[in-house]
Amino acid sequence: MARIPARTPPPDGGSLCADCSGVGRVRVAEVRRRLFIFWRTVTYVDSCWTCNGTGRVPRWKARR
């Protein structure tokens, strides 16, 4: 039984995702606060929500 991959690029080839610039992953920065001390840490790499991790979006969904 063949498994269909969850992250498939759009059928028409599409265009490069503007949010992650075709990488498919984005860095999510988290700001932590403790006792009036702020520090910003890049904690995890998340898959891009615009292109669902494929790096490409359909032409109708592409910006500009």
PDB file of N, CA and C in Angstrom:
ATOM      1  N   MET A   1       0.842  -1.185   0.000  1.00  0.00           N
ATOM      2  CA  MET A   1       0.000   0.000   0.000  1.00  0.00           C
ATOM      3  C   MET A   1       0.886   1.247   0.000  1.00  0.00           C
ATOM      4  N   ALA A   2       0.733   2.060  -1.011  1.00  0.00           N
ATOM      5  CA  ALA A   2       1.576   3.256  -1.143  1.00  0.00           C
ATOM      6  C   ALA A   2       1.053   4.370  -0.252  1.00  0.00           C
ATOM      7  N   ARG A   3       1.993   4.978   0.451  1.00  0.00           N
ATOM      8  CA  ARG A   3       1.606   6.095   1.316  1.00  0.00           C
ATOM      9  C   ARG A   3       1.766   7.400   0.560  1.00  0.00           C
ATOM     10  N   ILE A   4       0.759   8.246   0.658  1.00  0.00           N
ATOM     11  CA  ILE A   4       0.825   9.552   0.007  1.00  0.00           C
ATOM     12  C   ILE A   4       1.494  10.524   0.968  1.00  0.00           C
ATOM     13  N   PRO A   5       2.579  11.167   0.549  1.00  0.00           N
ATOM     14  CA  PRO A   5       3.229  12.127   1.447  1.00  0.00           C
ATOM     15  C   PRO A   5       2.322  13.303   1.756  1.00  0.00           C
ATOM     16  N   ALA A   6       2.388  13.757   2.995  1.00  0.00           N
ATOM     17  CA  ALA A   6       1.491  14.828   3.416  1.00  0.00           C
ATOM     18  C   ALA A   6       1.878  16.155   2.784  1.00  0.00           C
ATOM     19  N   ARG A   7       3.175  16.334   2.538  1.00  0.00           N
ATOM     20  CA  ARG A   7       3.636  17.615   2.015  1.00  0.00           C
ATOM     21  C   ARG A   7       3.991  17.465   0.548  1.00  0.00           C
ATOM     22  N   THR A   8       3.035  17.713  -0.304  1.00  0.00           N
ATOM     23  CA  THR A   8       3.292  17.651  -1.733  1.00  0.00           C
ATOM     24  C   THR A   8       3.170  19.051  -2.313  1.00  0.00           C
ATOM     25  N   PRO A   9       4.076  19.423  -3.218  1.00  0.00           N
ATOM     26  CA  PRO A   9       3.964  20.740  -3.839  1.00  0.00           C
ATOM     27  C   PRO A   9       2.708  20.835  -4.695  1.00  0.00           C
ATOM     28  N   PRO A  10       2.253  22.031  -4.992  1.00  0.00           N
ATOM     29  CA  PRO A  10       1.033  22.185  -5.793  1.00  0.00           C
ATOM     30  C   PRO A  10       1.184  21.547  -7.170  1.00  0.00           C
ATOM     31  N   PRO A  11       0.082  21.055  -7.734  1.00  0.00           N
ATOM     32  CA  PRO A  11       0.160  20.318  -9.000  1.00  0.00           C
ATOM     33  C   PRO A  11       0.683  21.149 -10.169  1.00  0.00           C
ATOM     34  N   ASP A  12       0.440  22.460 -10.156  1.00  0.00           N
ATOM     35  CA  ASP A  12       0.888  23.278 -11.292  1.00  0.00           C
ATOM     36  C   ASP A  12       2.329  23.744 -11.128  1.00  0.00           C
ATOM     37  N   GLY A  13       3.028  23.192 -10.131  1.00  0.00           N
ATOM     38  CA  GLY A  13       4.401  23.632  -9.906  1.00  0.00           C
ATOM     39  C   GLY A  13       4.469  24.803  -8.960  1.00  0.00           C
ATOM     40  N   GLY A  14       3.556  25.736  -9.124  1.00  0.00           N
ATOM     41  CA  GLY A  14       3.451  26.861  -8.204  1.00  0.00           C
ATOM     42  C   GLY A  14       4.635  27.798  -8.264  1.00  0.00           C
ATOM     43  N   SER A  15       4.680  28.697  -7.297  1.00  0.00           N
ATOM     44  CA  SER A  15       5.791  29.630  -7.209  1.00  0.00           C
ATOM     45  C   SER A  15       6.383  29.547  -5.813  1.00  0.00           C
ATOM     46  N   LEU A  16       7.574  30.116  -5.666  1.00  0.00           N
ATOM     47  CA  LEU A  16       8.289  30.038  -4.400  1.00  0.00           C
ATOM     48  C   LEU A  16       7.499  30.709  -3.281  1.00  0.00           C
ATOM     49  N   CYS A  17       7.513  30.093  -2.124  1.00  0.00           N
ATOM     50  CA  CYS A  17       6.800  30.658  -0.977  1.00  0.00           C
ATOM     51  C   CYS A  17       7.502  31.931  -0.518  1.00  0.00           C
ATOM     52  N   ALA A  18       6.722  32.983  -0.280  1.00  0.00           N
ATOM     53  CA  ALA A  18       7.311  34.273   0.086  1.00  0.00           C
ATOM     54  C   ALA A  18       7.727  34.299   1.551  1.00  0.00           C
ATOM     55  N   ASP A  19       7.059  33.504   2.393  1.00  0.00           N
ATOM     56  CA  ASP A  19       7.343  33.570   3.827  1.00  0.00           C
ATOM     57  C   ASP A  19       8.654  32.877   4.186  1.00  0.00           C
ATOM     58  N   CYS A  20       8.881  31.701   3.633  1.00  0.00           N
ATOM     59  CA  CYS A  20      10.092  30.961   3.991  1.00  0.00           C
ATOM     60  C   CYS A  20      11.092  30.949   2.844  1.00  0.00           C
ATOM     61  N   SER A  21      10.785  31.645   1.754  1.00  0.00           N
ATOM     62  CA  SER A  21      11.633  31.740   0.552  1.00  0.00           C
ATOM     63  C   SER A  21      12.038  30.362   0.031  1.00  0.00           C
ATOM     64  N   GLY A  22      11.083  29.460   0.030  1.00  0.00           N
ATOM     65  CA  GLY A  22      11.298  28.156  -0.591  1.00  0.00           C
ATOM     66  C   GLY A  22      11.986  27.124   0.281  1.00  0.00           C
ATOM     67  N   VAL A  23      12.292  27.466   1.523  1.00  0.00           N
ATOM     68  CA  VAL A  23      12.970  26.509   2.397  1.00  0.00           C
ATOM     69  C   VAL A  23      11.975  25.505   2.969  1.00  0.00           C
ATOM     70  N   GLY A  24      10.792  25.984   3.340  1.00  0.00           N
ATOM     71  CA  GLY A  24       9.784  25.101   3.917  1.00  0.00           C
ATOM     72  C   GLY A  24       9.775  25.119   5.426  1.00  0.00           C
ATOM     73  N   ARG A  25      10.794  25.747   6.017  1.00  0.00           N
ATOM     74  CA  ARG A  25      10.856  25.832   7.471  1.00  0.00           C
ATOM     75  C   ARG A  25      11.131  27.268   7.885  1.00  0.00           C
ATOM     76  N   VAL A  26      10.553  27.670   8.991  1.00  0.00           N
ATOM     77  CA  VAL A  26      10.776  29.018   9.509  1.00  0.00           C
ATOM     78  C   VAL A  26      11.241  28.927  10.956  1.00  0.00           C
ATOM     79  N   ARG A  27      12.086  29.871  11.339  1.00  0.00           N
ATOM     80  CA  ARG A  27      12.516  29.928  12.736  1.00  0.00           C
ATOM     81  C   ARG A  27      11.461  30.673  13.536  1.00  0.00           C
ATOM     82  N   VAL A  28      11.086  30.107  14.660  1.00  0.00           N
ATOM     83  CA  VAL A  28      10.103  30.732  15.528  1.00  0.00           C
ATOM     84  C   VAL A  28      10.825  31.235  16.765  1.00  0.00           C
ATOM     85  N   ALA A  29      10.774  32.536  16.965  1.00  0.00           N
ATOM     86  CA  ALA A  29      11.468  33.139  18.102  1.00  0.00           C
ATOM     87  C   ALA A  29      10.509  33.235  19.275  1.00  0.00           C
ATOM     88  N   GLU A  30      11.014  32.896  20.416  1.00  0.00           N
ATOM     89  CA  GLU A  30      10.208  32.950  21.625  1.00  0.00           C
ATOM     90  C   GLU A  30      10.849  33.935  22.582  1.00  0.00           C
ATOM     91  N   VAL A  31      10.045  34.807  23.123  1.00  0.00           N
ATOM     92  CA  VAL A  31      10.566  35.774  24.084  1.00  0.00           C
ATOM     93  C   VAL A  31      10.237  35.264  25.478  1.00  0.00           C
ATOM     94  N   ARG A  32      11.259  35.096  26.284  1.00  0.00           N
ATOM     95  CA  ARG A  32      11.054  34.604  27.648  1.00  0.00           C
ATOM     96  C   ARG A  32      11.302  35.727  28.636  1.00  0.00           C
ATOM     97  N   ARG A  33      10.553  35.712  29.723  1.00  0.00           N
ATOM     98  CA  ARG A  33      10.689  36.766  30.722  1.00  0.00           C
ATOM     99  C   ARG A  33      10.723  36.129  32.098  1.00  0.00           C
ATOM    100  N   ARG A  34      11.684  36.555  32.890  1.00  0.00           N
ATOM    101  CA  ARG A  34      11.775  36.037  34.250  1.00  0.00           C
ATOM    102  C   ARG A  34      12.438  37.079  35.135  1.00  0.00           C
ATOM    103  N   LEU A  35      11.739  37.505  36.151  1.00  0.00           N
ATOM    104  CA  LEU A  35      12.251  38.487  37.109  1.00  0.00           C
ATOM    105  C   LEU A  35      12.765  39.753  36.425  1.00  0.00           C
ATOM    106  N   PHE A  36      11.945  40.287  35.534  1.00  0.00           N
ATOM    107  CA  PHE A  36      12.246  41.539  34.820  1.00  0.00           C
ATOM    108  C   PHE A  36      13.453  41.441  33.893  1.00  0.00           C
ATOM    109  N   ILE A  37      13.877  40.231  33.593  1.00  0.00           N
ATOM    110  CA  ILE A  37      14.967  40.061  32.636  1.00  0.00           C
ATOM    111  C   ILE A  37      14.372  39.437  31.376  1.00  0.00           C
ATOM    112  N   PHE A  38      14.547  40.135  30.275  1.00  0.00           N
ATOM    113  CA  PHE A  38      14.016  39.638  29.012  1.00  0.00           C
ATOM    114  C   PHE A  38      15.161  39.058  28.191  1.00  0.00           C
ATOM    115  N   TRP A  39      14.954  37.901  27.617  1.00  0.00           N
ATOM    116  CA  TRP A  39      15.914  37.416  26.639  1.00  0.00           C
ATOM    117  C   TRP A  39      15.158  36.697  25.540  1.00  0.00           C
ATOM    118  N   ARG A  40      15.640  36.903  24.350  1.00  0.00           N
ATOM    119  CA  ARG A  40      14.953  36.365  23.180  1.00  0.00           C
ATOM    120  C   ARG A  40      15.746  35.176  22.676  1.00  0.00           C
ATOM    121  N   THR A  41      15.098  34.054  22.566  1.00  0.00           N
ATOM    122  CA  THR A  41      15.790  32.858  22.115  1.00  0.00           C
ATOM    123  C   THR A  41      15.039  32.251  20.941  1.00  0.00           C
ATOM    124  N   VAL A  42      15.778  31.842  19.942  1.00  0.00           N
ATOM    125  CA  VAL A  42      15.174  31.093  18.844  1.00  0.00           C
ATOM    126  C   VAL A  42      15.101  29.648  19.297  1.00  0.00           C
ATOM    127  N   THR A  43      13.905  29.213  19.644  1.00  0.00           N
ATOM    128  CA  THR A  43      13.797  27.941  20.336  1.00  0.00           C
ATOM    129  C   THR A  43      13.581  26.760  19.403  1.00  0.00           C
ATOM    130  N   TYR A  44      12.799  26.930  18.359  1.00  0.00           N
ATOM    131  CA  TYR A  44      12.548  25.768  17.521  1.00  0.00           C
ATOM    132  C   TYR A  44      12.311  26.196  16.083  1.00  0.00           C
ATOM    133  N   VAL A  45      12.489  25.257  15.185  1.00  0.00           N
ATOM    134  CA  VAL A  45      12.253  25.488  13.764  1.00  0.00           C
ATOM    135  C   VAL A  45      10.943  24.811  13.408  1.00  0.00           C
ATOM    136  N   ASP A  46      10.013  25.601  12.918  1.00  0.00           N
ATOM    137  CA  ASP A  46       8.683  25.097  12.615  1.00  0.00           C
ATOM    138  C   ASP A  46       8.507  25.023  11.104  1.00  0.00           C
ATOM    139  N   SER A  47       7.633  24.144  10.646  1.00  0.00           N
ATOM    140  CA  SER A  47       7.381  24.110   9.213  1.00  0.00           C
ATOM    141  C   SER A  47       6.508  25.299   8.839  1.00  0.00           C
ATOM    142  N   CYS A  48       6.773  25.847   7.678  1.00  0.00           N
ATOM    143  CA  CYS A  48       6.096  27.077   7.247  1.00  0.00           C
ATOM    144  C   CYS A  48       4.603  26.814   7.089  1.00  0.00           C
ATOM    145  N   TRP A  49       3.773  27.681   7.653  1.00  0.00           N
ATOM    146  CA  TRP A  49       2.325  27.442   7.608  1.00  0.00           C
ATOM    147  C   TRP A  49       1.729  27.890   6.290  1.00  0.00           C
ATOM    148  N   THR A  50       2.419  28.750   5.559  1.00  0.00           N
ATOM    149  CA  THR A  50       1.868  29.226   4.290  1.00  0.00           C
ATOM    150  C   THR A  50       1.920  28.138   3.227  1.00  0.00           C
ATOM    151  N   CYS A  51       3.054  27.468   3.132  1.00  0.00           N
ATOM    152  CA  CYS A  51       3.220  26.452   2.087  1.00  0.00           C
ATOM    153  C   CYS A  51       3.157  25.041   2.655  1.00  0.00           C
ATOM    154  N   ASN A  52       2.898  24.907   3.951  1.00  0.00           N
ATOM    155  CA  ASN A  52       2.793  23.604   4.608  1.00  0.00           C
ATOM    156  C   ASN A  52       4.090  22.806   4.508  1.00  0.00           C
ATOM    157  N   GLY A  53       5.217  23.507   4.504  1.00  0.00           N
ATOM    158  CA  GLY A  53       6.497  22.828   4.510  1.00  0.00           C
ATOM    159  C   GLY A  53       7.013  22.401   3.152  1.00  0.00           C
ATOM    160  N   THR A  54       6.288  22.703   2.091  1.00  0.00           N
ATOM    161  CA  THR A  54       6.740  22.282   0.763  1.00  0.00           C
ATOM    162  C   THR A  54       7.692  23.289   0.143  1.00  0.00           C
ATOM    163  N   GLY A  55       7.594  24.554   0.532  1.00  0.00           N
ATOM    164  CA  GLY A  55       8.444  25.581  -0.054  1.00  0.00           C
ATOM    165  C   GLY A  55       7.842  26.232  -1.278  1.00  0.00           C
ATOM    166  N   ARG A  56       6.722  25.695  -1.742  1.00  0.00           N
ATOM    167  CA  ARG A  56       6.071  26.272  -2.917  1.00  0.00           C
ATOM    168  C   ARG A  56       4.584  26.447  -2.638  1.00  0.00           C
ATOM    169  N   VAL A  57       4.014  27.500  -3.208  1.00  0.00           N
ATOM    170  CA  VAL A  57       2.586  27.766  -3.047  1.00  0.00           C
ATOM    171  C   VAL A  57       1.935  27.798  -4.424  1.00  0.00           C
ATOM    172  N   PRO A  58       0.633  27.503  -4.500  1.00  0.00           N
ATOM    173  CA  PRO A  58      -0.061  27.606  -5.790  1.00  0.00           C
ATOM    174  C   PRO A  58       0.001  29.034  -6.327  1.00  0.00           C
ATOM    175  N   ARG A  59      -0.085  29.144  -7.652  1.00  0.00           N
ATOM    176  CA  ARG A  59       0.060  30.470  -8.266  1.00  0.00           C
ATOM    177  C   ARG A  59      -1.022  31.439  -7.805  1.00  0.00           C
ATOM    178  N   TRP A  60      -2.220  30.937  -7.563  1.00  0.00           N
ATOM    179  CA  TRP A  60      -3.300  31.838  -7.140  1.00  0.00           C
ATOM    180  C   TRP A  60      -3.097  32.324  -5.720  1.00  0.00           C
ATOM    181  N   LYS A  61      -2.287  31.607  -4.961  1.00  0.00           N
ATOM    182  CA  LYS A  61      -2.079  31.969  -3.565  1.00  0.00           C
ATOM    183  C   LYS A  61      -0.828  32.824  -3.386  1.00  0.00           C
ATOM    184  N   ALA A  62       0.000  32.891  -4.418  1.00  0.00           N
ATOM    185  CA  ALA A  62       1.257  33.634  -4.311  1.00  0.00           C
ATOM    186  C   ALA A  62       0.985  35.129  -4.217  1.00  0.00           C
ATOM    187  N   ARG A  63       1.801  35.786  -3.422  1.00  0.00           N
ATOM    188  CA  ARG A  63       1.639  37.232  -3.275  1.00  0.00           C
ATOM    189  C   ARG A  63       2.245  37.956  -4.467  1.00  0.00           C
ATOM    190  N   ARG A  64       1.573  39.004  -4.900  1.00  0.00           N
ATOM    191  CA  ARG A  64       2.022  39.872  -6.002  1.00  0.00           C
ATOM    192  C   ARG A  64       2.186  39.101  -7.291  1.00  0.00           C
TER     193      ARG A  64
END
